[in-house]
Every structure is written in C-alpha cells, then in structure tokens.
N, C-alpha and C. Protein backbone atom coordinates (compact mmCIF):
# COMPACT_ATOMS: atom_id res chain seq x y z
N UNK A 1 0.56 -4.33 29.65
CA UNK A 1 -0.21 -4.92 28.96
C UNK A 1 1.12 -4.17 27.29
N UNK A 2 2.23 -4.65 26.91
CA UNK A 2 2.75 -4.40 26.04
C UNK A 2 2.07 -4.21 24.86
N UNK A 3 2.89 -3.58 23.77
CA UNK A 3 2.37 -3.60 22.94
C UNK A 3 2.17 -5.06 21.74
N UNK A 4 3.48 -5.82 21.96
CA UNK A 4 3.10 -7.11 21.51
C UNK A 4 2.02 -8.15 22.32
N UNK A 5 2.27 -7.75 23.53
CA UNK A 5 1.05 -8.89 23.98
C UNK A 5 -0.44 -8.59 23.13
N UNK A 6 -0.75 -6.73 23.15
CA UNK A 6 -1.53 -6.78 22.81
C UNK A 6 -1.95 -7.44 21.19
N UNK A 7 -1.06 -7.46 20.60
CA UNK A 7 -1.07 -7.81 19.35
C UNK A 7 -1.16 -9.27 19.39
N UNK A 8 -0.65 -10.23 20.23
CA UNK A 8 -0.75 -11.85 20.21
C UNK A 8 -2.17 -11.83 20.83
N UNK A 9 -2.32 -10.96 21.14
CA UNK A 9 -3.89 -11.18 21.90
C UNK A 9 -4.93 -10.99 20.85
N UNK A 10 -4.53 -9.89 20.04
CA UNK A 10 -6.07 -9.99 18.71
C UNK A 10 -5.89 -10.81 18.02
N UNK A 11 -4.11 -11.01 17.82
CA UNK A 11 -4.10 -12.19 16.73
C UNK A 11 -4.89 -13.87 17.13
N UNK A 12 -5.12 -13.86 18.08
CA UNK A 12 -5.42 -15.10 18.81
C UNK A 12 -7.05 -15.28 19.18
N UNK A 13 -7.53 -13.64 19.09
CA UNK A 13 -9.00 -13.18 18.89
C UNK A 13 -9.38 -13.26 17.69
N UNK A 14 -8.87 -13.19 16.66
CA UNK A 14 -8.89 -13.59 15.23
C UNK A 14 -8.79 -14.64 14.82
N UNK A 15 -8.04 -15.08 15.12
CA UNK A 15 -7.87 -17.03 15.24
C UNK A 15 -9.09 -17.70 15.35
N UNK A 16 -9.59 -17.13 16.81
CA UNK A 16 -10.65 -18.12 17.10
C UNK A 16 -11.54 -17.34 16.71
N UNK A 17 -12.14 -16.56 15.98
CA UNK A 17 -12.88 -15.88 15.15
C UNK A 17 -13.25 -16.66 14.19
N UNK A 18 -12.20 -16.45 13.36
CA UNK A 18 -11.67 -17.52 11.68
C UNK A 18 -12.23 -19.48 11.96
N UNK A 19 -11.84 -19.54 13.33
CA UNK A 19 -11.96 -21.07 13.78
C UNK A 19 -13.96 -21.30 13.87
N UNK A 20 -14.26 -19.86 14.62
CA UNK A 20 -15.99 -20.26 14.97
C UNK A 20 -16.50 -20.23 13.59
N UNK A 21 -16.02 -19.58 12.41
CA UNK A 21 -16.85 -19.04 11.14
C UNK A 21 -16.80 -20.76 10.75
N UNK A 22 -15.71 -21.02 10.57
CA UNK A 22 -15.41 -22.98 9.95
C UNK A 22 -16.51 -23.42 10.87
N UNK A 23 -16.06 -23.27 12.02
CA UNK A 23 -17.48 -24.27 12.54
C UNK A 23 -18.66 -23.92 12.66
N UNK A 24 -19.37 -22.61 12.24
CA UNK A 24 -20.36 -22.70 12.09
C UNK A 24 -20.98 -23.00 10.92
N UNK A 25 -19.86 -22.94 10.08
CA UNK A 25 -20.41 -23.30 8.36
C UNK A 25 -20.39 -24.86 8.12
N UNK A 26 -19.71 -25.60 8.81
CA UNK A 26 -19.97 -26.90 9.19
C UNK A 26 -21.29 -27.60 9.94
N UNK A 27 -21.76 -27.06 10.95
CA UNK A 27 -22.76 -27.02 11.86
C UNK A 27 -23.71 -26.45 11.14
N UNK A 28 -23.97 -25.63 10.22
CA UNK A 28 -24.91 -25.21 9.09
C UNK A 28 -25.54 -25.85 8.16
N UNK A 29 -24.05 -26.66 7.96
CA UNK A 29 -24.38 -27.71 6.57
C UNK A 29 -24.64 -29.28 6.82
N UNK A 30 -24.85 -29.80 8.44
CA UNK A 30 -24.94 -30.82 9.10
C UNK A 30 -26.52 -30.36 9.08
N UNK A 31 -27.11 -29.12 9.91
CA UNK A 31 -28.19 -28.81 10.00
C UNK A 31 -29.58 -28.78 8.70
N UNK A 32 -28.79 -28.41 8.12
CA UNK A 32 -29.35 -28.05 6.09
C UNK A 32 -29.73 -29.37 6.00
N UNK A 33 -28.51 -30.57 5.79
CA UNK A 33 -28.92 -32.13 5.74
C UNK A 33 -30.13 -32.63 6.44
N UNK A 34 -29.97 -32.38 7.69
CA UNK A 34 -31.10 -32.80 8.78
C UNK A 34 -32.43 -32.65 8.73
N UNK A 35 -32.71 -30.71 7.73
CA UNK A 35 -33.90 -30.56 7.44
C UNK A 35 -34.28 -31.13 6.66
N UNK A 36 -33.61 -31.07 5.50
CA UNK A 36 -33.95 -31.77 4.53
C UNK A 36 -34.44 -33.18 4.59
N UNK A 37 -33.48 -33.68 5.68
CA UNK A 37 -34.45 -34.91 6.01
C UNK A 37 -35.83 -35.48 6.22
N UNK A 38 -35.77 -34.58 7.55
CA UNK A 38 -37.51 -34.00 8.31
C UNK A 38 -38.13 -33.44 6.99
N UNK A 39 -37.87 -32.78 6.18
CA UNK A 39 -38.82 -32.42 5.18
C UNK A 39 -39.34 -33.29 4.47
N UNK A 40 -38.36 -34.55 3.91
CA UNK A 40 -38.61 -35.50 3.02
C UNK A 40 -39.71 -35.99 3.87
N UNK A 41 -39.93 -36.52 5.60
CA UNK A 41 -40.43 -37.37 6.02
C UNK A 41 -41.71 -36.11 6.14
N UNK A 42 -41.95 -35.06 6.15
CA UNK A 42 -43.03 -34.97 6.30
C UNK A 42 -44.01 -35.01 5.29
N UNK A 43 -43.58 -34.88 4.09
CA UNK A 43 -43.82 -35.08 2.78
C UNK A 43 -44.55 -36.18 2.61
N UNK A 44 -43.50 -37.42 3.11
CA UNK A 44 -44.13 -38.73 3.23
C UNK A 44 -45.35 -39.38 4.13
N UNK A 45 -44.89 -38.29 5.18
CA UNK A 45 -46.70 -38.90 6.00
C UNK A 45 -47.30 -37.69 5.99
N UNK A 46 -47.63 -37.05 4.97
CA UNK A 46 -48.58 -35.85 4.51
C UNK A 46 -49.94 -36.44 4.25
N UNK A 47 -51.04 -36.17 4.95
CA UNK A 47 -52.07 -37.10 4.65
C UNK A 47 -52.56 -38.38 5.60
N UNK A 48 -51.67 -38.50 6.07
CA UNK A 48 -52.10 -40.28 6.92
C UNK A 48 -52.47 -39.29 8.22
N UNK A 49 -53.53 -39.57 8.44
CA UNK A 49 -54.01 -39.36 10.16
C UNK A 49 -53.64 -40.39 11.09
N UNK A 50 -53.06 -41.68 10.61
CA UNK A 50 -52.38 -41.98 11.85
C UNK A 50 -50.79 -41.98 12.38
N UNK A 51 -50.25 -40.76 11.38
CA UNK A 51 -49.13 -40.58 11.34
C UNK A 51 -49.02 -39.01 11.68
N UNK A 52 -50.05 -38.30 12.18
CA UNK A 52 -50.12 -36.79 12.80
C UNK A 52 -49.17 -36.74 13.92
N UNK A 53 -49.00 -37.35 15.32
CA UNK A 53 -48.04 -37.32 15.80
C UNK A 53 -46.69 -37.71 15.10
N UNK A 54 -46.08 -38.25 14.53
CA UNK A 54 -45.17 -38.12 13.37
C UNK A 54 -44.57 -36.78 13.07
N UNK A 55 -45.86 -36.42 12.41
CA UNK A 55 -45.61 -35.44 11.16
C UNK A 55 -45.21 -33.81 12.40
N UNK A 56 -45.69 -33.95 13.74
CA UNK A 56 -46.05 -33.38 14.64
C UNK A 56 -44.27 -32.91 15.07
N UNK A 57 -44.41 -34.09 15.26
CA UNK A 57 -42.80 -34.40 15.89
C UNK A 57 -41.51 -33.44 14.91
N UNK A 58 -41.74 -34.56 13.84
CA UNK A 58 -41.18 -33.59 12.53
C UNK A 58 -41.12 -32.34 12.56
N UNK A 59 -41.91 -31.60 12.65
CA UNK A 59 -42.30 -30.14 12.45
C UNK A 59 -41.69 -29.66 13.80
N UNK A 60 -41.55 -30.42 14.94
CA UNK A 60 -40.36 -29.63 15.60
C UNK A 60 -39.42 -29.56 15.49
N UNK A 61 -38.80 -30.85 15.01
CA UNK A 61 -37.34 -31.14 14.86
C UNK A 61 -36.94 -29.99 13.99
N UNK A 62 -37.71 -29.50 12.73
CA UNK A 62 -37.95 -28.30 11.69
C UNK A 62 -37.44 -27.09 12.42
N UNK A 63 -38.41 -26.76 13.10
CA UNK A 63 -38.66 -25.80 13.84
C UNK A 63 -37.48 -25.77 14.74
N UNK A 64 -36.92 -26.34 15.68
CA UNK A 64 -35.57 -26.52 16.02
C UNK A 64 -34.57 -25.92 15.37
N UNK A 65 -34.12 -26.76 14.48
CA UNK A 65 -32.95 -26.61 13.33
C UNK A 65 -32.82 -24.85 12.93
N UNK A 66 -34.46 -24.61 12.68
CA UNK A 66 -34.45 -22.73 12.38
C UNK A 66 -34.33 -22.25 13.63
N UNK A 67 -34.31 -22.57 14.56
CA UNK A 67 -33.69 -21.95 16.21
C UNK A 67 -32.00 -22.07 16.26
N UNK A 68 -31.91 -22.84 15.98
CA UNK A 68 -30.35 -23.42 16.01
C UNK A 68 -29.60 -22.29 14.96
N UNK A 69 -30.30 -22.50 13.66
CA UNK A 69 -29.37 -21.47 12.64
C UNK A 69 -29.73 -20.08 13.12
N UNK A 70 -30.35 -19.59 13.72
CA UNK A 70 -30.58 -18.37 13.86
C UNK A 70 -29.67 -18.01 14.80
N UNK A 71 -29.72 -18.98 15.95
CA UNK A 71 -28.84 -18.56 16.64
C UNK A 71 -27.23 -18.64 16.14
N UNK A 72 -27.05 -19.54 15.78
CA UNK A 72 -25.75 -19.63 14.61
C UNK A 72 -25.04 -18.23 14.10
N UNK A 73 -26.53 -17.65 13.63
CA UNK A 73 -26.12 -16.23 12.71
C UNK A 73 -25.06 -15.20 13.95
N UNK A 74 -25.19 -15.30 15.07
CA UNK A 74 -24.54 -14.80 16.22
C UNK A 74 -23.04 -14.80 16.22
N UNK A 75 -22.74 -15.80 15.61
CA UNK A 75 -21.31 -16.40 15.90
C UNK A 75 -20.60 -15.35 14.60
N UNK A 76 -20.74 -14.97 13.93
CA UNK A 76 -19.52 -14.53 12.80
C UNK A 76 -19.26 -13.38 13.19
N UNK A 77 -20.09 -12.61 14.11
CA UNK A 77 -19.90 -11.10 14.29
C UNK A 77 -18.51 -11.35 15.29
N UNK A 78 -18.28 -12.53 15.93
CA UNK A 78 -16.98 -12.85 16.74
C UNK A 78 -15.49 -12.89 15.80
N UNK A 79 -15.64 -13.08 14.43
CA UNK A 79 -14.64 -13.23 13.90
C UNK A 79 -14.06 -11.72 13.72
N UNK A 80 -15.22 -10.69 13.98
CA UNK A 80 -15.04 -9.07 13.53
C UNK A 80 -14.72 -8.55 15.25
N UNK A 81 -14.24 -9.18 16.10
CA UNK A 81 -13.77 -8.73 17.58
C UNK A 81 -14.84 -7.90 18.04
N UNK A 82 -15.99 -8.84 17.67
CA UNK A 82 -17.81 -7.98 18.31
C UNK A 82 -17.83 -7.01 17.58
N UNK A 83 -17.59 -6.73 16.41
CA UNK A 83 -18.12 -5.13 15.53
C UNK A 83 -18.97 -5.21 15.41
N UNK A 84 -20.05 -4.83 15.62
CA UNK A 84 -21.29 -4.75 14.66
C UNK A 84 -21.12 -4.32 13.48
N UNK A 85 -22.40 -4.99 12.38
CA UNK A 85 -21.77 -4.48 10.87
C UNK A 85 -23.17 -3.28 10.82
N UNK A 86 -23.33 -2.04 11.89
CA UNK A 86 -24.25 -1.14 11.36
C UNK A 86 -23.42 -0.48 10.21
N UNK A 87 -25.25 -0.19 9.46
CA UNK A 87 -25.38 0.87 7.84
C UNK A 87 -26.51 0.63 7.46
N UNK A 88 -26.38 0.97 6.22
CA UNK A 88 -27.43 1.27 5.65
C UNK A 88 -28.25 0.13 5.94
N UNK A 89 -29.09 -0.55 6.18
CA UNK A 89 -29.85 -1.38 5.81
C UNK A 89 -31.35 -1.34 5.49
N UNK A 90 -31.73 -2.08 4.05
CA UNK A 90 -33.17 -1.92 3.88
C UNK A 90 -33.98 -2.84 4.08
N UNK A 91 -34.76 -2.41 4.80
CA UNK A 91 -35.83 -2.92 5.29
C UNK A 91 -36.57 -4.12 4.35
N UNK A 92 -36.71 -4.07 3.46
CA UNK A 92 -37.43 -4.65 2.66
C UNK A 92 -36.24 -5.84 1.93
N UNK A 93 -35.22 -5.77 1.93
CA UNK A 93 -34.51 -7.01 1.48
C UNK A 93 -34.60 -8.03 2.96
N UNK A 94 -33.64 -7.23 3.98
CA UNK A 94 -33.66 -7.85 5.26
C UNK A 94 -35.02 -8.69 5.32
N UNK A 95 -36.55 -8.25 4.86
CA UNK A 95 -37.75 -9.38 5.44
C UNK A 95 -37.71 -9.94 4.18
N UNK A 96 -37.34 -9.56 2.95
CA UNK A 96 -37.35 -10.70 1.94
C UNK A 96 -36.36 -11.76 2.15
N UNK A 97 -34.96 -11.63 2.69
CA UNK A 97 -34.41 -13.12 3.09
C UNK A 97 -34.76 -13.43 4.60
N UNK A 98 -35.91 -12.84 5.08
CA UNK A 98 -36.21 -13.64 6.64
C UNK A 98 -37.19 -14.38 5.58
N UNK A 99 -37.99 -13.82 4.44
CA UNK A 99 -38.95 -14.98 4.08
C UNK A 99 -38.56 -16.42 3.53
N UNK A 100 -37.52 -15.76 2.57
CA UNK A 100 -36.73 -16.80 2.04
C UNK A 100 -36.37 -18.57 3.37
N UNK A 101 -35.53 -17.51 4.34
CA UNK A 101 -35.16 -18.27 5.57
C UNK A 101 -36.44 -19.32 5.70
N UNK A 102 -37.49 -18.55 6.35
CA UNK A 102 -38.65 -19.59 6.52
C UNK A 102 -39.46 -20.06 5.58
N UNK A 103 -38.67 -19.75 4.76
CA UNK A 103 -39.62 -21.29 3.67
C UNK A 103 -38.76 -22.00 3.23
N UNK A 104 -37.39 -21.98 3.93
CA UNK A 104 -36.48 -23.05 3.69
C UNK A 104 -36.37 -23.93 4.99
N UNK A 105 -36.00 -22.94 5.87
CA UNK A 105 -35.49 -23.47 7.24
C UNK A 105 -36.46 -23.97 8.11
N UNK A 106 -37.43 -23.30 8.24
CA UNK A 106 -38.72 -23.78 9.65
C UNK A 106 -39.52 -24.67 8.10
N UNK A 107 -39.41 -25.09 6.73
CA UNK A 107 -40.28 -25.85 6.31
C UNK A 107 -42.03 -25.13 6.66
N UNK A 108 -41.92 -23.52 6.45
CA UNK A 108 -43.60 -23.83 6.29
C UNK A 108 -44.18 -23.51 5.04
N UNK A 109 -43.42 -24.18 4.10
CA UNK A 109 -44.18 -24.43 2.85
C UNK A 109 -44.69 -26.24 3.05
N UNK A 110 -43.94 -26.90 3.82
CA UNK A 110 -44.12 -28.54 4.22
C UNK A 110 -45.55 -28.36 5.31
N UNK A 111 -45.70 -27.54 5.96
CA UNK A 111 -46.60 -27.91 7.33
C UNK A 111 -47.44 -27.30 6.61
N UNK A 112 -47.97 -26.78 5.70
CA UNK A 112 -49.41 -25.69 5.03
C UNK A 112 -49.06 -24.33 5.65
N UNK A 113 -48.21 -23.99 6.30
CA UNK A 113 -48.31 -23.13 7.11
C UNK A 113 -48.06 -21.84 5.80
N UNK A 114 -49.46 -20.76 5.81
CA UNK A 114 -49.27 -19.82 4.69
C UNK A 114 -48.37 -18.59 4.69
N UNK A 115 -47.54 -17.77 4.39
CA UNK A 115 -46.71 -17.11 4.48
C UNK A 115 -47.17 -15.84 3.56
N UNK A 116 -47.61 -15.21 3.81
CA UNK A 116 -47.64 -13.57 3.15
C UNK A 116 -46.81 -12.65 3.42
N UNK A 117 -46.07 -11.95 2.39
CA UNK A 117 -45.56 -10.97 2.80
C UNK A 117 -45.83 -9.63 1.42
N UNK A 118 -45.39 -8.30 2.40
CA UNK A 118 -46.02 -7.65 1.85
C UNK A 118 -44.86 -6.48 2.60
N UNK A 119 -44.05 -6.11 1.12
CA UNK A 119 -42.72 -5.00 1.17
C UNK A 119 -43.54 -3.90 0.33
N UNK A 120 -42.92 -2.39 1.07
CA UNK A 120 -42.98 -1.78 0.64
C UNK A 120 -42.31 -0.90 -0.21
N UNK A 121 -42.84 0.08 -1.29
CA UNK A 121 -42.63 0.36 -2.48
C UNK A 121 -41.68 0.86 -2.60
N UNK A 122 -41.03 1.78 -1.58
CA UNK A 122 -40.27 1.99 -1.44
C UNK A 122 -38.88 1.08 -0.53
N UNK A 123 -37.46 1.60 -0.97
CA UNK A 123 -36.84 1.35 0.30
C UNK A 123 -37.06 1.86 1.34
N UNK A 124 -36.64 1.19 2.61
CA UNK A 124 -36.46 1.47 3.82
C UNK A 124 -35.31 1.68 4.50
N UNK A 125 -34.28 2.35 4.61
CA UNK A 125 -33.07 2.42 5.09
C UNK A 125 -32.90 3.23 6.40
N UNK A 126 -32.72 1.97 7.02
CA UNK A 126 -32.30 2.35 8.42
C UNK A 126 -30.48 1.85 8.83
N UNK A 127 -30.36 2.19 9.72
CA UNK A 127 -29.15 2.54 10.09
C UNK A 127 -28.91 1.11 11.77
N UNK A 128 -28.89 -0.17 11.10
CA UNK A 128 -29.01 -1.26 11.89
C UNK A 128 -27.90 -2.09 11.66
N UNK A 129 -27.92 -3.43 12.50
CA UNK A 129 -26.93 -4.46 12.05
C UNK A 129 -28.04 -5.20 11.68
N UNK A 130 -27.73 -5.61 10.61
CA UNK A 130 -28.73 -6.54 9.47
C UNK A 130 -28.69 -8.35 10.93
N UNK A 131 -27.57 -8.59 11.09
CA UNK A 131 -27.86 -9.47 11.52
C UNK A 131 -29.15 -9.73 12.69
N UNK A 132 -28.81 -8.52 13.40
CA UNK A 132 -29.66 -8.31 14.95
C UNK A 132 -31.23 -8.46 14.28
N UNK A 133 -31.43 -7.26 13.13
CA UNK A 133 -32.86 -7.46 12.73
C UNK A 133 -33.20 -8.56 12.03
N UNK A 134 -32.39 -9.61 11.23
CA UNK A 134 -33.05 -10.95 10.97
C UNK A 134 -32.94 -11.60 12.08
N UNK A 135 -32.00 -11.89 13.26
CA UNK A 135 -33.07 -12.50 14.18
C UNK A 135 -33.86 -12.09 15.19
N UNK A 136 -34.03 -10.92 14.81
CA UNK A 136 -35.40 -10.38 15.93
C UNK A 136 -36.52 -10.86 14.61
N UNK A 137 -36.78 -10.80 13.69
CA UNK A 137 -37.73 -11.07 13.11
C UNK A 137 -37.88 -12.28 12.84
N UNK A 138 -37.23 -13.36 12.76
CA UNK A 138 -37.15 -14.77 12.95
C UNK A 138 -37.25 -15.59 14.21
N UNK A 139 -37.18 -14.74 15.14
CA UNK A 139 -37.47 -15.21 16.35
C UNK A 139 -39.07 -14.97 16.51
N UNK A 140 -39.58 -13.54 16.02
CA UNK A 140 -40.92 -13.18 16.29
C UNK A 140 -42.18 -14.43 15.46
N UNK A 141 -41.12 -15.11 14.06
CA UNK A 141 -42.00 -15.78 13.30
C UNK A 141 -41.68 -17.34 14.22
N UNK A 142 -41.02 -17.13 14.93
CA UNK A 142 -40.63 -19.21 15.69
C UNK A 142 -42.20 -19.43 16.07
N UNK A 143 -42.89 -20.64 15.48
CA UNK A 143 -43.34 -21.60 16.22
C UNK A 143 -45.03 -21.10 15.69
N UNK A 144 -44.53 -20.69 13.95
CA UNK A 144 -45.66 -20.41 13.44
C UNK A 144 -46.40 -21.80 12.92
N UNK A 145 -48.05 -21.82 13.17
CA UNK A 145 -48.37 -23.08 12.59
C UNK A 145 -49.42 -23.04 11.56
N UNK A 146 -50.17 -21.83 11.56
CA UNK A 146 -50.93 -21.82 10.53
C UNK A 146 -50.40 -20.94 9.47
N UNK A 147 -50.66 -19.37 9.81
CA UNK A 147 -50.23 -18.29 8.91
C UNK A 147 -49.24 -17.55 9.43
N UNK A 148 -48.30 -16.60 8.50
CA UNK A 148 -47.40 -15.65 8.71
C UNK A 148 -47.53 -14.51 8.31
N UNK A 149 -47.88 -13.45 8.86
CA UNK A 149 -47.57 -12.29 7.43
C UNK A 149 -46.29 -11.69 7.77
N UNK A 150 -45.31 -11.03 7.11
CA UNK A 150 -44.67 -9.93 7.32
C UNK A 150 -44.97 -8.86 6.62
N UNK A 151 -44.69 -7.93 6.85
CA UNK A 151 -44.87 -6.46 6.30
C UNK A 151 -44.11 -5.11 6.44
N UNK A 152 -43.56 -4.75 5.77
CA UNK A 152 -42.75 -3.46 5.89
C UNK A 152 -43.35 -2.32 5.39
N UNK A 153 -43.55 -1.07 6.25
CA UNK A 153 -44.28 0.50 5.66
C UNK A 153 -43.40 0.93 6.30
N UNK A 154 -43.42 2.70 5.68
CA UNK A 154 -42.77 3.48 5.91
C UNK A 154 -43.88 4.23 6.64
N UNK A 155 -43.32 5.00 7.49
CA UNK A 155 -44.25 6.28 8.26
C UNK A 155 -44.05 7.31 9.10
N UNK A 156 -43.64 8.32 7.99
CA UNK A 156 -43.21 9.58 8.10
C UNK A 156 -41.83 9.30 8.26
N UNK A 157 -40.75 9.60 9.18
CA UNK A 157 -39.61 9.11 9.47
C UNK A 157 -39.39 8.04 10.24
N UNK A 158 -40.20 6.91 10.38
CA UNK A 158 -40.06 5.54 10.87
C UNK A 158 -40.12 4.66 9.88
N UNK A 159 -39.78 3.86 9.87
CA UNK A 159 -39.47 2.13 9.23
C UNK A 159 -39.89 1.21 9.55
N UNK A 160 -40.94 0.59 9.47
CA UNK A 160 -41.30 -0.52 10.19
C UNK A 160 -41.71 -1.79 9.93
N UNK A 161 -41.19 -2.65 10.68
CA UNK A 161 -41.68 -4.08 9.77
C UNK A 161 -42.68 -4.61 11.20
N UNK A 162 -43.68 -5.70 10.67
CA UNK A 162 -44.67 -6.33 11.16
C UNK A 162 -44.57 -7.56 10.66
N UNK A 163 -44.65 -8.40 12.38
CA UNK A 163 -44.85 -9.90 11.90
C UNK A 163 -46.30 -10.38 12.74
N UNK A 164 -47.07 -10.64 12.09
CA UNK A 164 -48.38 -11.34 12.31
C UNK A 164 -48.16 -12.92 12.52
N UNK A 165 -48.58 -13.55 13.84
CA UNK A 165 -48.53 -15.13 13.77
C UNK A 165 -49.89 -14.89 13.92
N UNK A 166 -50.62 -16.45 13.47
CA UNK A 166 -51.62 -17.00 13.58
C UNK A 166 -52.83 -15.91 13.71
N UNK A 167 -52.98 -14.73 12.82
CA UNK A 167 -54.26 -13.73 13.39
C UNK A 167 -53.64 -13.23 14.29
N UNK A 168 -52.84 -13.19 15.51
CA UNK A 168 -52.69 -12.43 16.78
C UNK A 168 -52.65 -11.13 16.35
N UNK A 169 -52.38 -10.49 17.57
CA UNK A 169 -51.89 -9.11 17.26
C UNK A 169 -50.42 -8.52 16.21
N UNK A 170 -50.08 -8.17 16.02
CA UNK A 170 -48.96 -7.71 14.97
C UNK A 170 -47.72 -7.62 16.20
N UNK A 171 -46.49 -8.20 15.62
CA UNK A 171 -45.08 -7.41 16.72
C UNK A 171 -44.67 -6.47 15.78
N UNK A 172 -44.59 -5.27 16.27
CA UNK A 172 -43.94 -4.30 14.78
C UNK A 172 -42.74 -3.68 15.68
N UNK A 173 -41.61 -3.71 14.42
CA UNK A 173 -40.07 -3.13 14.82
C UNK A 173 -40.16 -2.40 14.18
N UNK A 174 -40.01 -1.08 14.84
CA UNK A 174 -39.96 0.37 14.21
C UNK A 174 -38.49 1.00 14.52
N UNK A 175 -37.85 1.66 13.40
CA UNK A 175 -36.63 2.27 13.35
C UNK A 175 -36.40 3.79 12.66
N UNK A 176 -35.64 4.50 13.10
CA UNK A 176 -35.69 5.84 12.76
C UNK A 176 -35.30 5.49 11.28
N UNK A 177 -35.46 6.16 10.13
CA UNK A 177 -35.50 6.57 8.71
C UNK A 177 -34.14 7.20 8.73
N UNK A 178 -33.44 6.41 7.83
CA UNK A 178 -31.82 7.33 7.33
C UNK A 178 -32.58 8.43 6.57
N UNK A 179 -32.19 9.68 6.57
CA UNK A 179 -32.28 10.40 5.09
C UNK A 179 -31.70 9.94 3.97
N UNK A 180 -31.84 10.44 3.14
CA UNK A 180 -30.61 10.19 1.74
C UNK A 180 -29.94 10.78 1.71
N UNK A 181 -29.38 11.80 2.05
CA UNK A 181 -28.54 12.06 2.75
C UNK A 181 -27.43 11.37 3.48
N UNK A 182 -27.79 10.68 4.56
CA UNK A 182 -26.81 9.78 5.33
C UNK A 182 -27.02 8.81 4.53
N UNK A 183 -27.68 7.67 3.69
CA UNK A 183 -27.75 6.81 2.88
C UNK A 183 -25.97 6.96 1.63
N UNK A 184 -26.33 8.30 1.59
CA UNK A 184 -25.04 8.91 0.49
C UNK A 184 -23.55 8.51 0.90
N UNK A 185 -23.42 8.92 2.61
CA UNK A 185 -22.88 9.28 2.83
C UNK A 185 -21.75 7.90 3.21
N UNK A 186 -23.07 6.72 3.67
CA UNK A 186 -22.53 5.36 3.47
C UNK A 186 -22.20 4.96 1.99
N UNK A 187 -22.48 5.30 1.12
CA UNK A 187 -22.73 4.60 -0.31
C UNK A 187 -21.26 5.43 -0.69
N UNK A 188 -20.42 6.03 -0.12
CA UNK A 188 -19.23 7.13 -0.57
C UNK A 188 -18.25 6.62 -0.14
C-alpha cells in the first residue's frame, strides 16, 4: 500500500467516524423524545390499577431506550480510529454521571425505583476508558425494578465501584489506583 493509499484510507475512516457521530447524535435526540413521551405516559397512568400492564410496557420501552443509548455510546470511538481514551478517570465522577443517566434515561424516578449513591470522600483516579467504565456500570444497573445502590470506595491500592440491584449480591468492579505521580503526569 502506498503512502497516498494509506492517507486516503485514513481520510475515509475519519469521514465515516464523523458521519457516525452525526448519526449517533440524531438517534440520541430521537430517543430522548421517545423517553420523554414514555415518562409522560407513565405519570399519566401512575396509581391506576387497571393500567398496570400499560405501565409495565412503558417501563420496558424506557429501559430499552436506555440500553440503546448505552450501546450508541460506543460509536464515538470510531471517529478516533478505534483508539480508547485511556487516562486518569475519577470513579466518583463516572459514578455521578451514571446516576444522572439512570435518573434521566431509565426513568428510575418515574418507576418508583430508589437510587442511592455513596461516593468516596477522596478522588479515586484509575487508568481506564471512561466509556468502557460508564457502559459497564449502566449494564449492571439495567433491569432495576426496586432499588439500586452505587457506591465508590478505595481499598489500599484499589479503587472500586459497587452496584447493588434490588438487594441482591453486589457487583463490584475493581481497578488499580493511580498514584499521585501518575495522575500528575497526565495533567502535565
């Protein structure tokens, strides 16, 4: 392959990546509208015993929308030719984003599910791809019907995120904590 061929191939991949970002953005906008309509209908049928089947179906729609949005979060990486954005990631910030996402997209506030978050008092920096961590947490949180608890904590040289659904055994994701020197290198 010549240098010109490689350059053209790289430009095509970049163009496809930009097109995928536009498509993902447009699809996310439509999913947001659908989610808002489903939440509105859920509120309308709240407390109506005869409409419990309708509420369950709307909750399934809202949950499905959340799973699609989580899946679409993978597409922006394509614009960067598949490179992961690995760097210092504060697990507290990522857990906070997941909680906001769950409240908005999965409709936990509308379905009477209780969301509890307990974040470590100190920053928990790890070397990880934010999209991967976000998607792993959202995947563990899908299907919540009663309660969900998200907790971050440090344990020696490990940083952990714990997700508990409906009182079941917690799912824990553990990472090697970055030292202050490693974190400073990324900041420089």
